[in-house]
N, C-alpha and C. Protein backbone atom coordinates (compact mmCIF):
# COMPACT_ATOMS: atom_id res chain seq x y z
N UNK A 1 173.61 167.19 258.68
CA UNK A 1 172.30 166.64 258.63
C UNK A 1 172.09 164.97 259.24
N UNK A 2 170.54 164.97 258.77
CA UNK A 2 170.22 163.37 259.77
C UNK A 2 170.54 162.51 258.65
N UNK A 3 171.30 161.24 258.62
CA UNK A 3 171.23 160.38 257.19
C UNK A 3 169.59 159.76 257.28
N UNK A 4 169.15 159.36 258.53
CA UNK A 4 167.93 158.41 258.42
C UNK A 4 166.68 159.50 258.18
N UNK A 5 167.13 160.94 258.11
CA UNK A 5 165.95 161.81 257.55
C UNK A 5 166.35 162.98 256.63
N UNK A 6 167.27 162.88 255.81
CA UNK A 6 168.09 164.07 254.90
C UNK A 6 167.04 165.31 254.65
N UNK A 7 165.59 164.41 254.40
CA UNK A 7 164.67 165.59 254.14
C UNK A 7 164.89 166.54 254.78
N UNK A 8 165.49 166.36 256.42
CA UNK A 8 164.93 167.48 257.72
C UNK A 8 166.08 168.56 257.28
N UNK A 9 166.84 168.37 256.14
CA UNK A 9 167.72 169.83 255.63
C UNK A 9 166.91 170.59 255.16
N UNK A 10 165.58 170.43 254.84
CA UNK A 10 164.82 171.29 254.00
C UNK A 10 163.71 171.37 254.63
N UNK A 11 162.92 170.44 255.90
CA UNK A 11 161.65 170.90 256.29
C UNK A 11 162.41 170.69 257.66
N UNK A 12 163.06 170.57 258.90
CA UNK A 12 163.78 170.51 260.25
C UNK A 12 162.69 169.82 261.01
N UNK A 13 161.71 170.20 260.87
CA UNK A 13 160.89 169.76 262.51
C UNK A 13 159.61 168.85 261.79
N UNK A 14 159.15 169.22 260.90
CA UNK A 14 157.77 168.43 260.34
C UNK A 14 157.56 167.32 259.86
N UNK A 15 156.64 166.31 259.68
CA UNK A 15 156.58 165.06 259.36
C UNK A 15 156.34 165.02 257.82
N UNK A 16 155.96 166.17 256.78
CA UNK A 16 156.52 165.49 255.72
C UNK A 16 157.28 165.27 255.38
N UNK A 17 158.39 165.90 255.78
CA UNK A 17 160.30 164.96 255.23
C UNK A 17 160.17 163.64 255.62
N UNK A 18 159.51 162.94 256.43
CA UNK A 18 159.64 161.97 256.75
C UNK A 18 159.10 161.31 256.26
N UNK A 19 158.17 161.56 255.91
CA UNK A 19 156.53 160.54 255.02
C UNK A 19 157.07 160.34 253.46
N UNK A 20 157.83 161.57 253.17
CA UNK A 20 158.56 161.36 252.30
C UNK A 20 159.55 160.35 252.21
N UNK A 21 160.33 160.40 253.02
CA UNK A 21 161.21 159.41 253.01
C UNK A 21 160.60 158.21 252.95
N UNK A 22 159.72 157.70 253.48
CA UNK A 22 159.32 156.68 253.76
C UNK A 22 158.45 156.02 252.10
N UNK A 23 158.25 156.98 251.52
CA UNK A 23 157.04 156.47 250.66
C UNK A 23 158.11 156.27 249.35
N UNK A 24 159.11 157.18 249.65
CA UNK A 24 160.01 156.79 248.33
C UNK A 24 161.06 155.74 248.30
N UNK A 25 161.22 155.17 249.59
CA UNK A 25 161.69 153.92 249.93
C UNK A 25 160.65 152.91 249.35
N UNK A 26 159.93 153.33 249.28
CA UNK A 26 159.07 151.78 249.53
C UNK A 26 157.92 151.91 248.13
N UNK A 27 157.81 150.56 247.67
CA UNK A 27 157.55 150.29 246.33
C UNK A 27 156.12 150.11 246.07
N UNK A 28 155.58 150.09 247.48
CA UNK A 28 154.30 149.65 247.62
C UNK A 28 153.06 150.64 248.28
N UNK A 29 151.95 150.88 247.83
CA UNK A 29 151.17 151.86 248.98
C UNK A 29 151.06 151.84 250.31
N UNK A 30 151.14 152.29 251.27
CA UNK A 30 151.24 152.22 252.48
C UNK A 30 150.08 152.82 253.31
N UNK A 31 149.30 152.69 254.17
CA UNK A 31 147.95 153.08 254.72
C UNK A 31 149.03 154.27 256.05
N UNK A 32 148.06 154.68 256.85
CA UNK A 32 148.78 155.49 257.29
C UNK A 32 149.58 154.85 258.62
N UNK A 33 148.77 153.84 259.42
CA UNK A 33 149.15 153.02 260.14
C UNK A 33 150.66 152.48 259.85
N UNK A 34 151.28 151.99 258.83
CA UNK A 34 152.34 151.38 258.35
C UNK A 34 153.39 152.73 257.76
N UNK A 35 152.35 153.88 257.69
CA UNK A 35 153.98 155.05 257.14
C UNK A 35 154.24 155.37 258.87
N UNK A 36 153.60 155.27 260.10
CA UNK A 36 153.58 155.67 260.96
C UNK A 36 154.88 154.45 261.70
N UNK A 37 154.81 153.39 261.37
CA UNK A 37 155.82 152.47 261.40
C UNK A 37 156.96 152.11 260.98
N UNK A 38 157.06 153.34 260.23
CA UNK A 38 158.56 152.93 259.23
C UNK A 38 158.91 155.06 259.41
N UNK A 39 158.40 155.89 260.49
CA UNK A 39 158.91 156.94 260.39
C UNK A 39 160.80 156.55 261.39
N UNK A 40 161.40 157.55 260.38
CA UNK A 40 163.13 157.04 261.13
C UNK A 40 162.76 157.78 262.20
N UNK A 41 161.93 159.08 262.47
CA UNK A 41 161.70 159.82 264.03
C UNK A 41 161.15 159.44 264.62
N UNK A 42 159.07 158.93 264.21
CA UNK A 42 158.44 158.98 264.87
C UNK A 42 157.51 160.34 264.04
N UNK A 43 156.05 159.44 265.25
CA UNK A 43 154.90 160.53 264.61
C UNK A 43 153.82 159.90 265.07
N UNK A 44 153.13 160.68 265.86
CA UNK A 44 151.62 160.27 265.65
C UNK A 44 150.70 159.91 263.98
N UNK A 45 149.76 159.07 264.36
CA UNK A 45 148.97 159.01 263.14
C UNK A 45 148.03 160.34 262.83
N UNK A 46 147.71 160.86 264.15
CA UNK A 46 146.88 162.38 263.57
C UNK A 46 147.81 163.19 262.61
N UNK A 47 149.24 163.51 263.02
CA UNK A 47 149.73 164.07 262.38
C UNK A 47 150.22 163.74 261.14
N UNK A 48 150.70 162.23 260.81
CA UNK A 48 150.84 161.72 259.36
C UNK A 48 149.75 162.08 258.69
N UNK A 49 148.58 161.83 259.23
CA UNK A 49 146.94 162.33 258.57
C UNK A 49 147.07 163.82 257.72
N UNK A 50 147.11 164.71 258.82
CA UNK A 50 147.45 165.81 258.23
C UNK A 50 148.34 166.23 257.08
N UNK A 51 149.39 165.55 257.44
CA UNK A 51 150.59 165.43 256.35
C UNK A 51 150.53 164.69 255.04
N UNK A 52 150.05 163.40 255.03
CA UNK A 52 150.02 163.01 254.14
C UNK A 52 148.22 163.78 252.87
N UNK A 53 148.01 164.71 253.82
CA UNK A 53 146.69 164.95 252.65
C UNK A 53 147.51 167.24 252.61
N UNK A 54 148.53 167.30 252.79
CA UNK A 54 149.11 168.41 252.40
C UNK A 54 149.88 167.97 251.33
N UNK A 55 150.85 166.98 251.38
CA UNK A 55 151.38 166.37 250.65
C UNK A 55 150.81 166.01 248.72
N UNK A 56 149.87 165.28 249.37
CA UNK A 56 148.56 165.44 248.41
C UNK A 56 148.47 166.49 247.33
N UNK A 57 147.87 166.94 248.23
CA UNK A 57 147.52 168.55 247.94
C UNK A 57 148.90 169.25 246.71
N UNK A 58 149.59 168.69 247.47
CA UNK A 58 151.08 169.33 246.36
C UNK A 58 151.42 168.20 245.03
N UNK A 59 150.46 167.28 245.08
CA UNK A 59 151.35 166.39 244.33
C UNK A 59 152.08 165.31 244.38
N UNK A 60 152.72 165.51 245.23
CA UNK A 60 153.68 164.38 245.46
C UNK A 60 153.98 162.79 245.82
N UNK A 61 152.44 162.57 246.33
CA UNK A 61 152.27 161.91 246.89
C UNK A 61 150.58 160.88 246.10
N UNK A 62 150.54 160.26 246.01
CA UNK A 62 148.72 159.60 245.20
C UNK A 62 148.39 158.73 246.18
N UNK A 63 147.10 158.76 246.25
CA UNK A 63 146.16 158.20 247.49
C UNK A 63 145.03 157.57 246.80
N UNK A 64 144.64 156.17 246.95
CA UNK A 64 143.75 155.24 246.82
C UNK A 64 143.27 154.66 247.94
N UNK A 65 142.33 153.62 247.29
CA UNK A 65 141.13 153.42 248.71
C UNK A 65 141.94 151.90 248.61
N UNK A 66 142.22 151.51 249.84
CA UNK A 66 142.74 150.22 250.60
C UNK A 66 141.73 149.69 251.16
N UNK A 67 140.95 148.39 251.11
CA UNK A 67 139.68 148.09 252.45
C UNK A 67 139.00 149.02 252.50
N UNK A 68 139.30 149.23 253.63
CA UNK A 68 138.42 150.36 254.27
C UNK A 68 139.13 151.53 254.93
N UNK A 69 140.32 151.77 254.18
CA UNK A 69 141.49 153.46 254.69
C UNK A 69 141.56 153.04 253.31
N UNK A 70 142.44 154.39 253.26
CA UNK A 70 143.55 155.02 252.39
C UNK A 70 144.48 154.62 252.60
N UNK A 71 145.63 154.28 251.56
CA UNK A 71 146.85 154.12 251.54
C UNK A 71 147.91 155.50 250.28
N UNK A 72 149.12 155.47 250.74
CA UNK A 72 149.22 156.34 249.67
C UNK A 72 150.85 155.71 249.49
N UNK A 73 151.50 156.61 248.23
CA UNK A 73 152.23 156.04 247.75
C UNK A 73 153.04 157.33 246.31
N UNK A 74 154.38 157.33 246.58
CA UNK A 74 155.07 158.43 245.56
C UNK A 74 154.40 158.65 244.26
N UNK A 75 154.62 159.79 244.02
CA UNK A 75 153.95 160.24 242.57
C UNK A 75 155.25 160.32 241.37
N UNK A 76 154.85 158.74 241.00
CA UNK A 76 156.40 159.29 240.00
C UNK A 76 156.29 159.05 238.98
N UNK A 77 155.33 160.49 238.71
CA UNK A 77 155.02 161.49 237.40
C UNK A 77 155.20 162.93 237.37
N UNK A 78 155.37 162.81 239.34
CA UNK A 78 155.40 164.55 239.79
C UNK A 78 156.62 165.35 238.83
N UNK A 79 156.40 165.91 238.95
CA UNK A 79 158.02 167.36 238.19
C UNK A 79 158.90 166.88 239.01
N UNK A 80 159.17 167.14 240.28
CA UNK A 80 160.06 167.18 241.57
C UNK A 80 160.33 165.48 241.54
N UNK A 81 159.87 164.23 240.97
CA UNK A 81 160.30 163.48 241.64
C UNK A 81 161.91 162.60 241.57
N UNK A 82 162.84 163.34 240.81
CA UNK A 82 163.62 162.68 240.82
C UNK A 82 164.77 163.88 241.45
N UNK A 83 164.07 164.22 242.05
CA UNK A 83 164.65 165.45 243.40
C UNK A 83 164.44 164.66 244.55
N UNK A 84 162.95 164.55 244.41
CA UNK A 84 162.61 163.90 246.21
C UNK A 84 163.94 162.24 246.11
N UNK A 85 163.36 161.49 244.86
CA UNK A 85 164.17 160.06 245.40
C UNK A 85 165.31 160.32 245.53
N UNK A 86 166.63 162.06 244.88
CA UNK A 86 167.89 162.18 245.43
C UNK A 86 168.35 162.23 246.66
N UNK A 87 167.49 163.06 247.25
CA UNK A 87 167.18 163.52 248.44
C UNK A 87 166.74 162.03 249.38
N UNK A 88 165.91 161.37 249.30
CA UNK A 88 165.89 160.27 250.36
C UNK A 88 166.83 159.49 250.23
N UNK A 89 167.44 158.98 249.09
CA UNK A 89 168.58 158.38 248.87
C UNK A 89 169.91 158.55 249.30
N UNK A 90 170.14 159.91 250.29
CA UNK A 90 171.46 160.33 250.34
C UNK A 90 172.13 159.98 251.33
N UNK A 91 171.85 159.06 252.03
CA UNK A 91 172.35 158.08 252.64
C UNK A 91 173.40 156.99 251.94
N UNK A 92 172.69 156.28 251.05
CA UNK A 92 173.67 156.04 249.87
C UNK A 92 173.71 156.13 249.22
N UNK A 93 174.36 157.63 248.67
CA UNK A 93 174.82 158.48 248.10
C UNK A 93 175.98 158.63 248.35
N UNK A 94 176.43 159.02 250.31
CA UNK A 94 177.23 159.41 251.07
C UNK A 94 178.14 158.27 251.04
N UNK A 95 177.64 156.94 250.88
CA UNK A 95 178.45 155.77 251.08
C UNK A 95 179.05 155.50 250.26
N UNK A 96 178.10 155.80 248.67
CA UNK A 96 179.00 155.87 247.29
C UNK A 96 179.97 156.45 247.12
N UNK A 97 179.45 157.58 247.83
CA UNK A 97 180.67 158.94 247.19
C UNK A 97 182.18 158.35 248.29
N UNK A 98 182.48 157.81 249.50
CA UNK A 98 183.43 157.58 250.55
C UNK A 98 183.90 156.67 249.95
N UNK A 99 183.34 155.32 248.86
CA UNK A 99 183.73 154.13 248.68
C UNK A 99 184.76 154.52 247.22
N UNK A 100 183.96 155.86 246.21
CA UNK A 100 185.07 156.26 245.28
C UNK A 100 186.09 157.01 245.65
N UNK A 101 185.77 157.44 246.94
CA UNK A 101 187.00 158.44 247.26
C UNK A 101 188.46 157.14 247.59
N UNK A 102 187.31 156.48 248.12
CA UNK A 102 188.64 155.26 248.93
C UNK A 102 189.09 154.58 247.93
N UNK A 103 188.98 154.59 246.76
CA UNK A 103 189.25 153.56 245.75
C UNK A 103 190.61 154.18 245.14
N UNK A 104 190.60 155.36 244.65
CA UNK A 104 191.87 156.18 244.40
C UNK A 104 192.93 156.40 245.11
N UNK A 105 193.09 155.58 246.19
CA UNK A 105 194.21 155.89 247.78
C UNK A 105 195.35 155.35 246.93
N UNK A 106 196.45 155.53 246.91
CA UNK A 106 197.10 155.03 246.66
C UNK A 106 197.72 153.57 247.71
N UNK A 107 197.43 153.81 249.34
CA UNK A 107 197.32 152.68 250.04
C UNK A 107 196.16 152.28 250.33
N UNK A 108 195.72 150.72 249.86
CA UNK A 108 194.10 150.35 250.23
C UNK A 108 194.23 149.64 251.33
N UNK A 109 192.79 150.18 252.43
CA UNK A 109 192.72 150.31 253.94
C UNK A 109 191.91 148.60 253.94
N UNK A 110 191.96 147.82 254.56
CA UNK A 110 191.65 146.57 254.71
C UNK A 110 190.37 146.33 254.82
N UNK A 111 189.39 147.63 255.75
CA UNK A 111 188.27 147.89 255.69
C UNK A 111 187.46 148.82 256.25
N UNK A 112 186.73 149.49 255.85
CA UNK A 112 186.09 150.97 256.43
C UNK A 112 184.81 150.50 256.33
N UNK A 113 184.46 150.78 257.73
CA UNK A 113 183.05 150.61 258.02
C UNK A 113 182.67 151.80 258.73
N UNK A 114 180.94 152.36 258.72
CA UNK A 114 180.56 153.66 259.31
C UNK A 114 179.85 152.85 260.56
N UNK A 115 180.01 153.72 261.47
CA UNK A 115 179.06 153.04 263.07
C UNK A 115 178.67 153.72 263.78
N UNK A 116 178.26 153.41 265.06
CA UNK A 116 177.28 154.49 265.77
C UNK A 116 176.04 154.75 265.20
N UNK A 117 175.85 155.96 265.38
CA UNK A 117 174.24 157.09 265.92
C UNK A 117 173.71 156.96 263.49
N UNK A 118 174.70 156.92 263.08
CA UNK A 118 174.59 156.91 261.32
C UNK A 118 174.37 155.53 261.02
N UNK A 119 175.07 154.25 261.53
CA UNK A 119 174.62 153.31 261.20
C UNK A 119 173.43 152.58 261.88
N UNK A 120 172.85 153.20 262.74
CA UNK A 120 171.66 153.05 263.30
C UNK A 120 170.74 154.17 263.41
N UNK A 121 170.94 154.85 262.66
CA UNK A 121 169.82 155.80 262.41
C UNK A 121 169.46 156.38 263.20
N UNK A 122 169.50 156.94 264.24
CA UNK A 122 169.53 157.91 265.24
C UNK A 122 170.86 159.03 265.68
N UNK A 123 170.84 159.28 264.50
CA UNK A 123 171.44 160.69 264.57
C UNK A 123 170.62 162.08 264.94
N UNK A 124 170.88 163.27 265.93
CA UNK A 124 170.65 164.38 265.41
C UNK A 124 171.55 165.73 264.54
N UNK A 125 170.86 165.95 264.44
CA UNK A 125 171.48 167.33 263.45
C UNK A 125 172.88 167.85 264.00
N UNK A 126 173.34 167.53 265.32
CA UNK A 126 174.81 167.55 265.31
C UNK A 126 175.57 166.93 266.31
N UNK A 127 175.49 165.33 265.43
CA UNK A 127 175.37 164.06 265.82
C UNK A 127 177.05 164.42 265.09
N UNK A 128 178.04 163.70 265.40
CA UNK A 128 178.93 163.28 264.30
C UNK A 128 179.06 162.04 263.80
N UNK A 129 179.76 161.67 262.72
CA UNK A 129 179.75 159.99 261.79
C UNK A 129 181.27 159.55 262.39
N UNK A 130 180.70 158.40 262.95
CA UNK A 130 181.65 157.15 263.31
C UNK A 130 181.87 156.16 262.29
N UNK A 131 183.55 156.97 261.81
CA UNK A 131 184.59 156.31 261.41
C UNK A 131 185.13 154.97 261.60
N UNK A 132 185.38 153.95 261.32
CA UNK A 132 186.93 152.51 261.38
C UNK A 132 187.46 152.74 259.87
N UNK A 133 188.55 152.70 260.48
CA UNK A 133 189.57 152.96 258.91
C UNK A 133 190.17 152.00 259.43
N UNK A 134 190.75 150.18 258.84
CA UNK A 134 191.94 149.56 259.05
C UNK A 134 192.68 149.59 257.89
N UNK A 135 194.32 149.92 258.55
CA UNK A 135 195.14 150.27 257.45
C UNK A 135 195.84 148.66 257.42
N UNK A 136 196.81 148.78 256.69
CA UNK A 136 197.53 147.10 256.47
C UNK A 136 199.02 147.53 257.59
N UNK A 137 199.28 146.96 257.63
CA UNK A 137 200.58 146.90 258.49
C UNK A 137 201.95 147.39 257.73
N UNK A 138 201.66 147.31 256.32
CA UNK A 138 202.89 147.83 255.57
C UNK A 138 202.39 149.51 255.25
N UNK A 139 201.27 150.20 256.17
CA UNK A 139 201.22 151.50 256.17
C UNK A 139 202.05 152.54 257.07
N UNK A 140 203.06 152.93 256.64
CA UNK A 140 204.21 153.31 257.36
C UNK A 140 204.43 154.97 257.52
N UNK A 141 204.70 155.43 258.82
CA UNK A 141 204.53 156.47 258.30
C UNK A 141 202.76 157.34 258.80
N UNK A 142 203.25 158.63 257.65
CA UNK A 142 201.46 159.53 258.35
C UNK A 142 200.51 159.23 256.89
N UNK A 143 200.99 158.00 256.33
CA UNK A 143 200.27 158.90 254.53
C UNK A 143 198.92 157.77 254.89
N UNK A 144 198.68 156.80 256.17
CA UNK A 144 197.69 156.51 256.02
C UNK A 144 196.52 157.58 257.28
N UNK A 145 196.96 158.61 257.75
CA UNK A 145 196.76 159.30 258.71
C UNK A 145 196.18 160.64 257.49
N UNK A 146 197.04 160.69 256.54
CA UNK A 146 196.86 162.24 255.95
C UNK A 146 195.33 161.57 254.93
N UNK A 147 195.19 160.29 254.24
CA UNK A 147 194.03 159.91 253.63
C UNK A 147 192.86 160.17 253.90
N UNK A 148 193.42 159.18 255.60
CA UNK A 148 191.82 159.42 256.00
C UNK A 148 191.32 161.13 256.57
N UNK A 149 192.60 161.62 257.45
CA UNK A 149 192.10 162.97 257.80
C UNK A 149 191.84 163.95 256.45
N UNK A 150 191.61 163.68 254.70
CA UNK A 150 191.53 164.34 253.75
C UNK A 150 190.08 163.41 253.63
N UNK A 151 189.67 162.38 253.85
CA UNK A 151 188.47 161.82 253.65
C UNK A 151 187.65 162.89 254.56
N UNK A 152 187.99 162.72 255.34
CA UNK A 152 186.79 163.35 257.22
C UNK A 152 186.20 164.48 256.20
N UNK A 153 187.10 165.09 255.63
CA UNK A 153 186.86 166.62 255.57
C UNK A 153 186.38 166.58 254.30
N UNK A 154 186.00 165.71 253.44
CA UNK A 154 185.50 166.07 252.18
C UNK A 154 183.46 165.17 252.86
N UNK A 155 183.81 163.91 253.20
CA UNK A 155 182.20 164.12 254.13
C UNK A 155 181.88 165.51 254.79
N UNK A 156 182.54 165.94 255.48
CA UNK A 156 182.14 166.88 256.25
C UNK A 156 181.55 167.90 255.44
N UNK A 157 182.09 168.63 254.43
CA UNK A 157 181.61 169.41 253.42
C UNK A 157 180.17 168.53 252.73
N UNK A 158 180.87 167.38 252.45
CA UNK A 158 179.16 166.57 251.95
C UNK A 158 177.78 166.79 252.63
N UNK A 159 178.34 166.59 254.36
CA UNK A 159 176.90 166.39 255.03
C UNK A 159 177.03 167.08 255.87
N UNK A 160 177.58 168.44 256.44
CA UNK A 160 177.64 169.54 257.44
C UNK A 160 178.30 168.75 258.48
N UNK A 161 178.43 167.26 259.08
CA UNK A 161 178.69 166.73 259.87
C UNK A 161 179.99 166.60 260.40
N UNK A 162 180.19 166.98 261.69
CA UNK A 162 181.88 166.27 261.89
C UNK A 162 181.98 164.40 261.89
N UNK A 163 182.84 164.26 261.55
CA UNK A 163 183.28 163.19 261.59
C UNK A 163 184.28 162.77 262.55
N UNK A 164 184.20 161.19 263.25
CA UNK A 164 185.35 161.03 264.09
C UNK A 164 185.64 159.60 263.74
N UNK A 165 186.77 159.63 263.44
CA UNK A 165 187.55 157.96 262.73
C UNK A 165 188.16 157.57 263.73
N UNK A 166 188.11 156.48 263.78
CA UNK A 166 188.79 155.45 264.15
C UNK A 166 189.96 155.16 263.71
N UNK A 167 191.44 154.96 263.77
CA UNK A 167 192.52 154.89 262.33
C UNK A 167 192.77 153.32 263.01
N UNK A 168 193.39 152.30 262.43
CA UNK A 168 193.79 151.47 262.82
C UNK A 168 195.25 150.75 262.23
N UNK A 169 195.87 150.27 262.36
CA UNK A 169 197.07 148.98 261.63
C UNK A 169 195.79 147.67 261.90
N UNK A 170 196.09 147.01 261.31
CA UNK A 170 195.55 145.38 261.17
C UNK A 170 196.21 144.52 262.61
N UNK A 171 197.09 144.89 262.57
CA UNK A 171 197.85 144.19 263.65
C UNK A 171 197.88 144.81 265.09
N UNK A 172 196.99 146.03 265.40
CA UNK A 172 196.62 146.65 266.30
C UNK A 172 194.72 146.43 266.43
N UNK A 173 194.34 145.59 265.68
CA UNK A 173 193.03 145.18 265.84
C UNK A 173 192.99 144.33 266.91
N UNK A 174 192.15 143.72 268.05
CA UNK A 174 192.27 142.86 269.09
C UNK A 174 190.69 143.05 269.79
N UNK A 175 190.13 141.72 269.75
CA UNK A 175 188.34 141.33 270.49
C UNK A 175 189.03 143.06 271.78
N UNK A 176 187.36 143.71 271.38
CA UNK A 176 187.49 144.44 272.58
C UNK A 176 185.86 144.64 272.34
N UNK A 177 185.65 145.43 272.96
CA UNK A 177 183.77 145.99 272.95
C UNK A 177 183.48 147.12 272.06
N UNK A 178 184.35 147.96 271.40
CA UNK A 178 184.24 148.45 270.23
C UNK A 178 184.16 148.18 268.59
N UNK A 179 185.33 147.25 268.92
CA UNK A 179 184.97 146.60 267.55
C UNK A 179 183.82 145.57 267.80
N UNK A 180 183.48 144.92 268.24
CA UNK A 180 182.83 143.74 268.76
C UNK A 180 181.04 144.63 268.16
N UNK A 181 181.12 145.77 269.27
CA UNK A 181 179.91 146.51 268.40
C UNK A 181 179.74 146.65 267.08
N UNK A 182 180.97 147.32 266.30
CA UNK A 182 181.52 147.58 264.95
C UNK A 182 180.72 146.61 264.13
N UNK A 183 181.35 145.23 264.34
CA UNK A 183 180.74 143.85 264.15
C UNK A 183 179.38 144.07 263.84
N UNK A 184 178.56 144.60 264.37
CA UNK A 184 177.03 144.04 264.96
C UNK A 184 176.36 145.57 264.05
N UNK A 185 176.15 146.58 264.30
CA UNK A 185 175.61 147.30 263.40
C UNK A 185 176.70 148.28 262.39
N UNK A 186 177.72 147.93 262.41
CA UNK A 186 178.76 148.93 261.08
C UNK A 186 178.15 148.57 259.54
N UNK A 187 178.32 149.89 259.29
CA UNK A 187 177.94 149.67 257.33
C UNK A 187 179.32 149.30 257.23
N UNK A 188 178.95 148.66 255.91
CA UNK A 188 180.36 148.43 255.14
C UNK A 188 180.57 149.33 253.74
N UNK A 189 181.50 150.27 253.90
CA UNK A 189 182.14 151.45 252.82
C UNK A 189 182.76 150.76 251.85
N UNK A 190 183.82 150.06 252.37
CA UNK A 190 184.94 149.60 252.10
C UNK A 190 185.65 148.70 252.53
N UNK A 191 186.10 147.88 251.05
CA UNK A 191 187.40 146.38 251.70
C UNK A 191 186.67 145.49 252.00
N UNK A 192 187.23 144.03 252.53
CA UNK A 192 186.64 143.41 252.97
C UNK A 192 185.68 143.53 254.37
N UNK A 193 184.22 142.81 253.70
CA UNK A 193 183.25 143.42 254.59
C UNK A 193 183.65 142.44 256.20
N UNK A 194 183.91 141.11 255.90
CA UNK A 194 184.10 140.13 256.99
C UNK A 194 185.56 140.14 257.31
N UNK A 195 186.16 141.45 256.97
CA UNK A 195 187.40 140.99 258.01
C UNK A 195 187.72 141.50 259.98
N UNK A 196 186.92 142.12 259.88
CA UNK A 196 186.55 142.44 261.41
C UNK A 196 186.27 141.20 261.84
N UNK A 197 185.96 140.77 261.67
CA UNK A 197 184.86 139.83 262.32
C UNK A 197 186.00 138.12 262.68
N UNK A 198 186.37 138.37 261.34
CA UNK A 198 187.54 137.52 261.14
C UNK A 198 188.55 137.25 262.13
N UNK A 199 188.75 138.58 262.14
CA UNK A 199 190.10 139.30 263.35
C UNK A 199 189.73 138.62 264.65
N UNK A 200 188.56 139.55 265.18
CA UNK A 200 188.48 139.31 266.37
C UNK A 200 188.04 137.91 267.18
N UNK A 201 187.67 136.44 265.77
CA UNK A 201 187.89 135.61 266.14
C UNK A 201 188.81 134.73 266.60
N UNK A 202 189.47 134.95 265.87
CA UNK A 202 191.05 134.98 265.42
C UNK A 202 191.96 135.52 267.05
N UNK A 203 191.40 135.94 267.66
CA UNK A 203 192.22 136.51 268.54
C UNK A 203 192.05 136.21 269.74
N UNK A 204 190.95 135.84 269.39
CA UNK A 204 190.00 135.16 271.01
C UNK A 204 190.89 133.35 270.50
N UNK A 205 190.95 133.63 269.55
CA UNK A 205 191.25 131.74 269.30
C UNK A 205 189.90 131.30 268.76
N UNK A 206 189.21 131.77 268.16
CA UNK A 206 188.92 130.86 267.43
C UNK A 206 188.77 130.09 265.98
N UNK A 207 188.38 128.97 265.44
CA UNK A 207 187.95 128.18 264.12
C UNK A 207 187.09 129.52 262.93
């Protein structure tokens, strides 16, 4: 699945799925131009106009006049609004499930982050989900690897996507391009969200 556009699981190519994602995540009425600017995977104004007309017919979005144009919002009273919101928030739900699964590990990680295409909202249907897991140096043997392997298998069942984990012990983390990029774009899942940044600065000899 594409986490930035989870409705694509149901509507793989159309704009309707993107528009539902946009209006569900907004608390305001949005014009066609505003919707276009927020589409997770892009689209034309003409295409958006056709899609909002279809969605309005189905009752999933509401329309009102705003100045000289029309604006649209999710219909909070629609019979399917709870299901629509649940789909729109799939990425948040994935992160919450991951955190819940990690919270019961017998060895607690120092930090866990999602990075790469999933973090940048640039996924394709066949994209991997990149995952950084940093375990304490006291994690010896295969225990940490087993826990991460079990988590990645769960994530694949939840999403359909392969998961590509990077597993390190804390003493193995040094200043490097991959860690710099994770600091910039990574999404915090579990553990100390600032540990990686501090560790890189420490390795550079910065205060």
